[in-house]
């Protein structure tokens, strides 16, 4: 959507703002999807077994979210380079 938005008739001063808004939503959606797909009782079971916050973050949340975080980072890089390449032309 960013390349099509780049060619839209918008004043030049607002274009970086709207590119950032579209880029931020593209980054947040994969991570939010991973949070919504997680097993609902996983954190509650870890609390019941005595896991503290850092252990839950390190042993539950990080492995669940790491693929989404990596995908979002790759998506952000590709979209940023695309916007930069379109700005140069």
PDB file of N, CA and C in Angstrom:
ATOM      1  N   UNK A   1       0.818  -1.182   0.000  1.00  0.00           N
ATOM      2  CA  UNK A   1       0.000   0.000   0.000  1.00  0.00           C
ATOM      3  C   UNK A   1       0.867   1.252   0.000  1.00  0.00           C
ATOM      4  N   UNK A   2       2.061   1.164   0.562  1.00  0.00           N
ATOM      5  CA  UNK A   2       2.904   2.353   0.622  1.00  0.00           C
ATOM      6  C   UNK A   2       3.303   2.877  -0.754  1.00  0.00           C
ATOM      7  N   UNK A   3       3.666   2.010  -1.719  1.00  0.00           N
ATOM      8  CA  UNK A   3       3.985   2.583  -3.036  1.00  0.00           C
ATOM      9  C   UNK A   3       2.796   3.292  -3.683  1.00  0.00           C
ATOM     10  N   UNK A   4       1.596   2.742  -3.536  1.00  0.00           N
ATOM     11  CA  UNK A   4       0.425   3.408  -4.091  1.00  0.00           C
ATOM     12  C   UNK A   4       0.145   4.706  -3.347  1.00  0.00           C
ATOM     13  N   UNK A   5       0.366   4.711  -2.056  1.00  0.00           N
ATOM     14  CA  UNK A   5       0.153   5.915  -1.261  1.00  0.00           C
ATOM     15  C   UNK A   5       1.182   6.976  -1.608  1.00  0.00           C
ATOM     16  N   UNK A   6       2.383   6.534  -1.974  1.00  0.00           N
ATOM     17  CA  UNK A   6       3.453   7.466  -2.324  1.00  0.00           C
ATOM     18  C   UNK A   6       3.086   8.269  -3.558  1.00  0.00           C
ATOM     19  N   UNK A   7       2.405   7.625  -4.478  1.00  0.00           N
ATOM     20  CA  UNK A   7       2.057   8.292  -5.727  1.00  0.00           C
ATOM     21  C   UNK A   7       0.764   9.105  -5.614  1.00  0.00           C
ATOM     22  N   UNK A   8       0.112   9.036  -4.451  1.00  0.00           N
ATOM     23  CA  UNK A   8      -1.136   9.788  -4.266  1.00  0.00           C
ATOM     24  C   UNK A   8      -0.840  11.281  -4.263  1.00  0.00           C
ATOM     25  N   UNK A   9      -1.868  12.024  -4.524  1.00  0.00           N
ATOM     26  CA  UNK A   9      -1.707  13.475  -4.585  1.00  0.00           C
ATOM     27  C   UNK A   9      -1.871  14.030  -3.168  1.00  0.00           C
ATOM     28  N   UNK A  10      -0.733  14.159  -2.495  1.00  0.00           N
ATOM     29  CA  UNK A  10      -0.694  14.667  -1.123  1.00  0.00           C
ATOM     30  C   UNK A  10       0.470  15.644  -1.053  1.00  0.00           C
ATOM     31  N   UNK A  11       0.318  16.649  -0.264  1.00  0.00           N
ATOM     32  CA  UNK A  11       1.427  17.589  -0.136  1.00  0.00           C
ATOM     33  C   UNK A  11       2.631  16.865   0.457  1.00  0.00           C
ATOM     34  N   UNK A  12       3.808  17.267   0.070  1.00  0.00           N
ATOM     35  CA  UNK A  12       5.040  16.586   0.465  1.00  0.00           C
ATOM     36  C   UNK A  12       5.315  16.593   1.949  1.00  0.00           C
ATOM     37  N   UNK A  13       4.774  17.541   2.700  1.00  0.00           N
ATOM     38  CA  UNK A  13       5.102  17.619   4.116  1.00  0.00           C
ATOM     39  C   UNK A  13       4.413  16.534   4.935  1.00  0.00           C
ATOM     40  N   UNK A  14       3.258  16.019   4.489  1.00  0.00           N
ATOM     41  CA  UNK A  14       2.541  14.996   5.237  1.00  0.00           C
ATOM     42  C   UNK A  14       2.920  13.578   4.840  1.00  0.00           C
ATOM     43  N   UNK A  15       3.617  13.406   3.756  1.00  0.00           N
ATOM     44  CA  UNK A  15       3.921  12.072   3.251  1.00  0.00           C
ATOM     45  C   UNK A  15       4.744  11.236   4.230  1.00  0.00           C
ATOM     46  N   UNK A  16       5.829  11.731   4.832  1.00  0.00           N
ATOM     47  CA  UNK A  16       6.559  10.891   5.788  1.00  0.00           C
ATOM     48  C   UNK A  16       5.712  10.485   6.996  1.00  0.00           C
ATOM     49  N   UNK A  17       4.823  11.372   7.431  1.00  0.00           N
ATOM     50  CA  UNK A  17       3.948  11.036   8.556  1.00  0.00           C
ATOM     51  C   UNK A  17       3.046   9.865   8.212  1.00  0.00           C
ATOM     52  N   UNK A  18       2.398   9.907   7.059  1.00  0.00           N
ATOM     53  CA  UNK A  18       1.490   8.833   6.683  1.00  0.00           C
ATOM     54  C   UNK A  18       2.233   7.539   6.389  1.00  0.00           C
ATOM     55  N   UNK A  19       3.446   7.638   5.852  1.00  0.00           N
ATOM     56  CA  UNK A  19       4.243   6.430   5.658  1.00  0.00           C
ATOM     57  C   UNK A  19       4.578   5.793   7.001  1.00  0.00           C
ATOM     58  N   UNK A  20       4.890   6.607   7.991  1.00  0.00           N
ATOM     59  CA  UNK A  20       5.164   6.077   9.327  1.00  0.00           C
ATOM     60  C   UNK A  20       3.947   5.439   9.958  1.00  0.00           C
ATOM     61  N   UNK A  21       2.787   6.032   9.762  1.00  0.00           N
ATOM     62  CA  UNK A  21       1.549   5.459  10.305  1.00  0.00           C
ATOM     63  C   UNK A  21       1.277   4.101   9.667  1.00  0.00           C
ATOM     64  N   UNK A  22       1.414   4.006   8.358  1.00  0.00           N
ATOM     65  CA  UNK A  22       1.175   2.731   7.684  1.00  0.00           C
ATOM     66  C   UNK A  22       2.232   1.692   8.042  1.00  0.00           C
ATOM     67  N   UNK A  23       3.464   2.132   8.206  1.00  0.00           N
ATOM     68  CA  UNK A  23       4.533   1.217   8.582  1.00  0.00           C
ATOM     69  C   UNK A  23       4.329   0.694   9.997  1.00  0.00           C
ATOM     70  N   UNK A  24       3.913   1.549  10.913  1.00  0.00           N
ATOM     71  CA  UNK A  24       3.697   1.119  12.296  1.00  0.00           C
ATOM     72  C   UNK A  24       2.584   0.077  12.396  1.00  0.00           C
ATOM     73  N   UNK A  25       1.509   0.272  11.655  1.00  0.00           N
ATOM     74  CA  UNK A  25       0.440  -0.726  11.706  1.00  0.00           C
ATOM     75  C   UNK A  25       0.878  -2.046  11.076  1.00  0.00           C
ATOM     76  N   UNK A  26       1.688  -1.994  10.043  1.00  0.00           N
ATOM     77  CA  UNK A  26       2.186  -3.224   9.426  1.00  0.00           C
ATOM     78  C   UNK A  26       3.110  -3.986  10.365  1.00  0.00           C
ATOM     79  N   UNK A  27       3.780  -3.275  11.251  1.00  0.00           N
ATOM     80  CA  UNK A  27       4.681  -3.922  12.201  1.00  0.00           C
ATOM     81  C   UNK A  27       3.908  -4.503  13.379  1.00  0.00           C
ATOM     82  N   UNK A  28       2.877  -3.829  13.829  1.00  0.00           N
ATOM     83  CA  UNK A  28       2.150  -4.246  15.026  1.00  0.00           C
ATOM     84  C   UNK A  28       1.229  -5.435  14.762  1.00  0.00           C
ATOM     85  N   UNK A  29       0.656  -5.543  13.581  1.00  0.00           N
ATOM     86  CA  UNK A  29      -0.310  -6.599  13.322  1.00  0.00           C
ATOM     87  C   UNK A  29       0.240  -8.016  13.502  1.00  0.00           C
ATOM     88  N   UNK A  30       1.417  -8.382  12.996  1.00  0.00           N
ATOM     89  CA  UNK A  30       1.904  -9.753  13.237  1.00  0.00           C
ATOM     90  C   UNK A  30       2.144 -10.058  14.708  1.00  0.00           C
ATOM     91  N   UNK A  31       2.633  -9.094  15.466  1.00  0.00           N
ATOM     92  CA  UNK A  31       2.874  -9.317  16.892  1.00  0.00           C
ATOM     93  C   UNK A  31       1.546  -9.440  17.631  1.00  0.00           C
ATOM     94  N   UNK A  32       0.592  -8.590  17.295  1.00  0.00           N
ATOM     95  CA  UNK A  32      -0.720  -8.690  17.916  1.00  0.00           C
ATOM     96  C   UNK A  32      -1.418  -9.996  17.604  1.00  0.00           C
ATOM     97  N   UNK A  33      -1.249 -10.486  16.396  1.00  0.00           N
ATOM     98  CA  UNK A  33      -1.825 -11.772  16.013  1.00  0.00           C
ATOM     99  C   UNK A  33      -1.207 -12.900  16.835  1.00  0.00           C
ATOM    100  N   UNK A  34       0.080 -12.847  17.070  1.00  0.00           N
ATOM    101  CA  UNK A  34       0.740 -13.882  17.876  1.00  0.00           C
ATOM    102  C   UNK A  34       0.254 -13.840  19.321  1.00  0.00           C
ATOM    103  N   UNK A  35       0.005 -12.642  19.844  1.00  0.00           N
ATOM    104  CA  UNK A  35      -0.503 -12.524  21.208  1.00  0.00           C
ATOM    105  C   UNK A  35      -1.922 -13.101  21.291  1.00  0.00           C
ATOM    106  N   UNK A  36      -2.733 -12.856  20.288  1.00  0.00           N
ATOM    107  CA  UNK A  36      -4.103 -13.362  20.312  1.00  0.00           C
ATOM    108  C   UNK A  36      -4.173 -14.874  20.111  1.00  0.00           C
ATOM    109  N   UNK A  37      -3.195 -15.461  19.431  1.00  0.00           N
ATOM    110  CA  UNK A  37      -3.198 -16.902  19.171  1.00  0.00           C
ATOM    111  C   UNK A  37      -2.580 -17.722  20.291  1.00  0.00           C
ATOM    112  N   UNK A  38      -2.023 -17.088  21.297  1.00  0.00           N
ATOM    113  CA  UNK A  38      -1.344 -17.828  22.362  1.00  0.00           C
ATOM    114  C   UNK A  38      -2.337 -18.654  23.166  1.00  0.00           C
ATOM    115  N   UNK A  39      -1.890 -19.753  23.757  1.00  0.00           N
ATOM    116  CA  UNK A  39      -2.776 -20.520  24.644  1.00  0.00           C
ATOM    117  C   UNK A  39      -3.157 -19.671  25.861  1.00  0.00           C
ATOM    118  N   UNK A  40      -4.433 -19.638  26.179  1.00  0.00           N
ATOM    119  CA  UNK A  40      -4.911 -18.717  27.206  1.00  0.00           C
ATOM    120  C   UNK A  40      -4.478 -19.105  28.616  1.00  0.00           C
ATOM    121  N   UNK A  41      -4.279 -20.363  28.896  1.00  0.00           N
ATOM    122  CA  UNK A  41      -3.954 -20.791  30.254  1.00  0.00           C
ATOM    123  C   UNK A  41      -2.465 -20.914  30.515  1.00  0.00           C
ATOM    124  N   UNK A  42      -1.660 -20.569  29.549  1.00  0.00           N
ATOM    125  CA  UNK A  42      -0.221 -20.760  29.694  1.00  0.00           C
ATOM    126  C   UNK A  42       0.370 -19.886  30.795  1.00  0.00           C
ATOM    127  N   UNK A  43       0.057 -18.624  30.794  1.00  0.00           N
ATOM    128  CA  UNK A  43       0.595 -17.722  31.810  1.00  0.00           C
ATOM    129  C   UNK A  43       0.035 -18.055  33.182  1.00  0.00           C
ATOM    130  N   UNK A  44      -1.246 -18.374  33.240  1.00  0.00           N
ATOM    131  CA  UNK A  44      -1.863 -18.715  34.525  1.00  0.00           C
ATOM    132  C   UNK A  44      -1.227 -19.975  35.117  1.00  0.00           C
ATOM    133  N   UNK A  45      -0.920 -20.945  34.271  1.00  0.00           N
ATOM    134  CA  UNK A  45      -0.264 -22.166  34.756  1.00  0.00           C
ATOM    135  C   UNK A  45       1.142 -21.864  35.256  1.00  0.00           C
ATOM    136  N   UNK A  46       1.857 -20.977  34.555  1.00  0.00           N
ATOM    137  CA  UNK A  46       3.206 -20.623  34.991  1.00  0.00           C
ATOM    138  C   UNK A  46       3.170 -19.898  36.331  1.00  0.00           C
ATOM    139  N   UNK A  47       2.193 -19.032  36.529  1.00  0.00           N
ATOM    140  CA  UNK A  47       2.056 -18.344  37.816  1.00  0.00           C
ATOM    141  C   UNK A  47       1.742 -19.365  38.910  1.00  0.00           C
ATOM    142  N   UNK A  48       0.879 -20.305  38.609  1.00  0.00           N
ATOM    143  CA  UNK A  48       0.539 -21.337  39.580  1.00  0.00           C
ATOM    144  C   UNK A  48       1.721 -22.215  39.948  1.00  0.00           C
ATOM    145  N   UNK A  49       2.646 -22.381  39.026  1.00  0.00           N
ATOM    146  CA  UNK A  49       3.844 -23.176  39.308  1.00  0.00           C
ATOM    147  C   UNK A  49       4.956 -22.362  39.947  1.00  0.00           C
ATOM    148  N   UNK A  50       4.728 -21.060  40.140  1.00  0.00           N
ATOM    149  CA  UNK A  50       5.686 -20.238  40.859  1.00  0.00           C
ATOM    150  C   UNK A  50       6.665 -19.472  39.994  1.00  0.00           C
ATOM    151  N   UNK A  51       6.399 -19.323  38.711  1.00  0.00           N
ATOM    152  CA  UNK A  51       7.309 -18.577  37.837  1.00  0.00           C
ATOM    153  C   UNK A  51       7.121 -17.079  38.071  1.00  0.00           C
ATOM    154  N   UNK A  52       8.237 -16.368  38.238  1.00  0.00           N
ATOM    155  CA  UNK A  52       8.145 -14.916  38.410  1.00  0.00           C
ATOM    156  C   UNK A  52       8.021 -14.249  37.042  1.00  0.00           C
ATOM    157  N   UNK A  53       7.948 -12.928  37.046  1.00  0.00           N
ATOM    158  CA  UNK A  53       7.707 -12.190  35.803  1.00  0.00           C
ATOM    159  C   UNK A  53       8.826 -12.383  34.795  1.00  0.00           C
ATOM    160  N   UNK A  54      10.062 -12.337  35.237  1.00  0.00           N
ATOM    161  CA  UNK A  54      11.178 -12.494  34.294  1.00  0.00           C
ATOM    162  C   UNK A  54      11.225 -13.908  33.717  1.00  0.00           C
ATOM    163  N   UNK A  55      10.908 -14.900  34.527  1.00  0.00           N
ATOM    164  CA  UNK A  55      10.898 -16.275  34.018  1.00  0.00           C
ATOM    165  C   UNK A  55       9.788 -16.460  32.998  1.00  0.00           C
ATOM    166  N   UNK A  56       8.609 -15.891  33.269  1.00  0.00           N
ATOM    167  CA  UNK A  56       7.515 -15.993  32.295  1.00  0.00           C
ATOM    168  C   UNK A  56       7.873 -15.280  31.003  1.00  0.00           C
ATOM    169  N   UNK A  57       8.494 -14.125  31.111  1.00  0.00           N
ATOM    170  CA  UNK A  57       8.895 -13.389  29.910  1.00  0.00           C
ATOM    171  C   UNK A  57       9.927 -14.166  29.107  1.00  0.00           C
ATOM    172  N   UNK A  58      10.909 -14.705  29.795  1.00  0.00           N
ATOM    173  CA  UNK A  58      12.007 -15.391  29.123  1.00  0.00           C
ATOM    174  C   UNK A  58      11.613 -16.767  28.595  1.00  0.00           C
ATOM    175  N   UNK A  59      10.786 -17.500  29.330  1.00  0.00           N
ATOM    176  CA  UNK A  59      10.493 -18.886  28.967  1.00  0.00           C
ATOM    177  C   UNK A  59       9.173 -19.075  28.224  1.00  0.00           C
ATOM    178  N   UNK A  60       8.266 -18.117  28.325  1.00  0.00           N
ATOM    179  CA  UNK A  60       6.969 -18.266  27.655  1.00  0.00           C
ATOM    180  C   UNK A  60       6.797 -17.240  26.548  1.00  0.00           C
ATOM    181  N   UNK A  61       6.850 -15.953  26.919  1.00  0.00           N
ATOM    182  CA  UNK A  61       6.504 -14.910  25.965  1.00  0.00           C
ATOM    183  C   UNK A  61       7.541 -14.733  24.864  1.00  0.00           C
ATOM    184  N   UNK A  62       8.806 -14.749  25.199  1.00  0.00           N
ATOM    185  CA  UNK A  62       9.837 -14.550  24.179  1.00  0.00           C
ATOM    186  C   UNK A  62       9.828 -15.650  23.110  1.00  0.00           C
ATOM    187  N   UNK A  63       9.770 -16.938  23.484  1.00  0.00           N
ATOM    188  CA  UNK A  63       9.689 -17.958  22.422  1.00  0.00           C
ATOM    189  C   UNK A  63       8.407 -17.875  21.585  1.00  0.00           C
ATOM    190  N   UNK A  64       7.294 -17.453  22.202  1.00  0.00           N
ATOM    191  CA  UNK A  64       6.054 -17.338  21.444  1.00  0.00           C
ATOM    192  C   UNK A  64       6.073 -16.162  20.472  1.00  0.00           C
ATOM    193  N   UNK A  65       6.698 -15.065  20.884  1.00  0.00           N
ATOM    194  CA  UNK A  65       6.663 -13.849  20.075  1.00  0.00           C
ATOM    195  C   UNK A  65       7.870 -13.670  19.160  1.00  0.00           C
ATOM    196  N   UNK A  66       8.927 -14.436  19.354  1.00  0.00           N
ATOM    197  CA  UNK A  66      10.148 -14.236  18.580  1.00  0.00           C
ATOM    198  C   UNK A  66       9.942 -14.359  17.066  1.00  0.00           C
ATOM    199  N   UNK A  67       9.229 -15.372  16.554  1.00  0.00           N
ATOM    200  CA  UNK A  67       9.015 -15.400  15.096  1.00  0.00           C
ATOM    201  C   UNK A  67       8.265 -14.179  14.581  1.00  0.00           C
ATOM    202  N   UNK A  68       7.274 -13.723  15.326  1.00  0.00           N
ATOM    203  CA  UNK A  68       6.522 -12.540  14.909  1.00  0.00           C
ATOM    204  C   UNK A  68       7.370 -11.288  14.966  1.00  0.00           C
ATOM    205  N   UNK A  69       8.211 -11.178  15.975  1.00  0.00           N
ATOM    206  CA  UNK A  69       9.092 -10.018  16.088  1.00  0.00           C
ATOM    207  C   UNK A  69      10.089  -9.987  14.938  1.00  0.00           C
ATOM    208  N   UNK A  70      10.646 -11.145  14.595  1.00  0.00           N
ATOM    209  CA  UNK A  70      11.586 -11.207  13.471  1.00  0.00           C
ATOM    210  C   UNK A  70      10.895 -10.884  12.154  1.00  0.00           C
ATOM    211  N   UNK A  71       9.680 -11.403  11.960  1.00  0.00           N
ATOM    212  CA  UNK A  71       8.931 -11.101  10.740  1.00  0.00           C
ATOM    213  C   UNK A  71       8.597  -9.613  10.664  1.00  0.00           C
ATOM    214  N   UNK A  72       8.196  -9.026  11.779  1.00  0.00           N
ATOM    215  CA  UNK A  72       7.877  -7.597  11.797  1.00  0.00           C
ATOM    216  C   UNK A  72       9.110  -6.752  11.504  1.00  0.00           C
ATOM    217  N   UNK A  73      10.262  -7.156  12.037  1.00  0.00           N
ATOM    218  CA  UNK A  73      11.498  -6.426  11.763  1.00  0.00           C
ATOM    219  C   UNK A  73      11.877  -6.499  10.291  1.00  0.00           C
ATOM    220  N   UNK A  74      11.740  -7.673   9.709  1.00  0.00           N
ATOM    221  CA  UNK A  74      12.023  -7.834   8.282  1.00  0.00           C
ATOM    222  C   UNK A  74      11.042  -7.019   7.442  1.00  0.00           C
ATOM    223  N   UNK A  75       9.777  -7.043   7.806  1.00  0.00           N
ATOM    224  CA  UNK A  75       8.763  -6.273   7.098  1.00  0.00           C
ATOM    225  C   UNK A  75       9.042  -4.777   7.199  1.00  0.00           C
ATOM    226  N   UNK A  76       9.438  -4.323   8.367  1.00  0.00           N
ATOM    227  CA  UNK A  76       9.757  -2.906   8.547  1.00  0.00           C
ATOM    228  C   UNK A  76      10.949  -2.500   7.690  1.00  0.00           C
ATOM    229  N   UNK A  77      11.968  -3.354   7.631  1.00  0.00           N
ATOM    230  CA  UNK A  77      13.141  -3.038   6.821  1.00  0.00           C
ATOM    231  C   UNK A  77      12.788  -2.974   5.343  1.00  0.00           C
ATOM    232  N   UNK A  78      12.025  -3.940   4.867  1.00  0.00           N
ATOM    233  CA  UNK A  78      11.653  -3.963   3.451  1.00  0.00           C
ATOM    234  C   UNK A  78      10.794  -2.754   3.086  1.00  0.00           C
ATOM    235  N   UNK A  79       9.811  -2.450   3.924  1.00  0.00           N
ATOM    236  CA  UNK A  79       8.955  -1.307   3.631  1.00  0.00           C
ATOM    237  C   UNK A  79       9.714   0.018   3.729  1.00  0.00           C
ATOM    238  N   UNK A  80      10.638   0.115   4.665  1.00  0.00           N
ATOM    239  CA  UNK A  80      11.438   1.341   4.790  1.00  0.00           C
ATOM    240  C   UNK A  80      12.334   1.539   3.569  1.00  0.00           C
ATOM    241  N   UNK A  81      12.977   0.451   3.131  1.00  0.00           N
ATOM    242  CA  UNK A  81      13.827   0.566   1.946  1.00  0.00           C
ATOM    243  C   UNK A  81      12.996   0.871   0.693  1.00  0.00           C
ATOM    244  N   UNK A  82      11.785   0.320   0.630  1.00  0.00           N
ATOM    245  CA  UNK A  82      10.900   0.617  -0.498  1.00  0.00           C
ATOM    246  C   UNK A  82      10.519   2.083  -0.515  1.00  0.00           C
ATOM    247  N   UNK A  83      10.169   2.614   0.648  1.00  0.00           N
ATOM    248  CA  UNK A  83       9.835   4.054   0.730  1.00  0.00           C
ATOM    249  C   UNK A  83      11.038   4.918   0.361  1.00  0.00           C
ATOM    250  N   UNK A  84      12.209   4.530   0.824  1.00  0.00           N
ATOM    251  CA  UNK A  84      13.407   5.295   0.508  1.00  0.00           C
ATOM    252  C   UNK A  84      13.713   5.238  -0.991  1.00  0.00           C
ATOM    253  N   UNK A  85      13.536   4.070  -1.596  1.00  0.00           N
ATOM    254  CA  UNK A  85      13.795   3.951  -3.030  1.00  0.00           C
ATOM    255  C   UNK A  85      12.787   4.757  -3.835  1.00  0.00           C
ATOM    256  N   UNK A  86      11.544   4.808  -3.396  1.00  0.00           N
ATOM    257  CA  UNK A  86      10.559   5.593  -4.105  1.00  0.00           C
ATOM    258  C   UNK A  86      10.787   7.091  -3.924  1.00  0.00           C
ATOM    259  N   UNK A  87      11.323   7.500  -2.804  1.00  0.00           N
ATOM    260  CA  UNK A  87      11.630   8.911  -2.587  1.00  0.00           C
ATOM    261  C   UNK A  87      12.782   9.365  -3.463  1.00  0.00           C
ATOM    262  N   UNK A  88      13.700   8.463  -3.793  1.00  0.00           N
ATOM    263  CA  UNK A  88      14.842   8.836  -4.615  1.00  0.00           C
ATOM    264  C   UNK A  88      14.463   8.996  -6.083  1.00  0.00           C
ATOM    265  N   UNK A  89      13.445   8.277  -6.516  1.00  0.00           N
ATOM    266  CA  UNK A  89      13.086   8.330  -7.946  1.00  0.00           C
ATOM    267  C   UNK A  89      12.164   9.479  -8.266  1.00  0.00           C
TER     268      UNK A  89
END
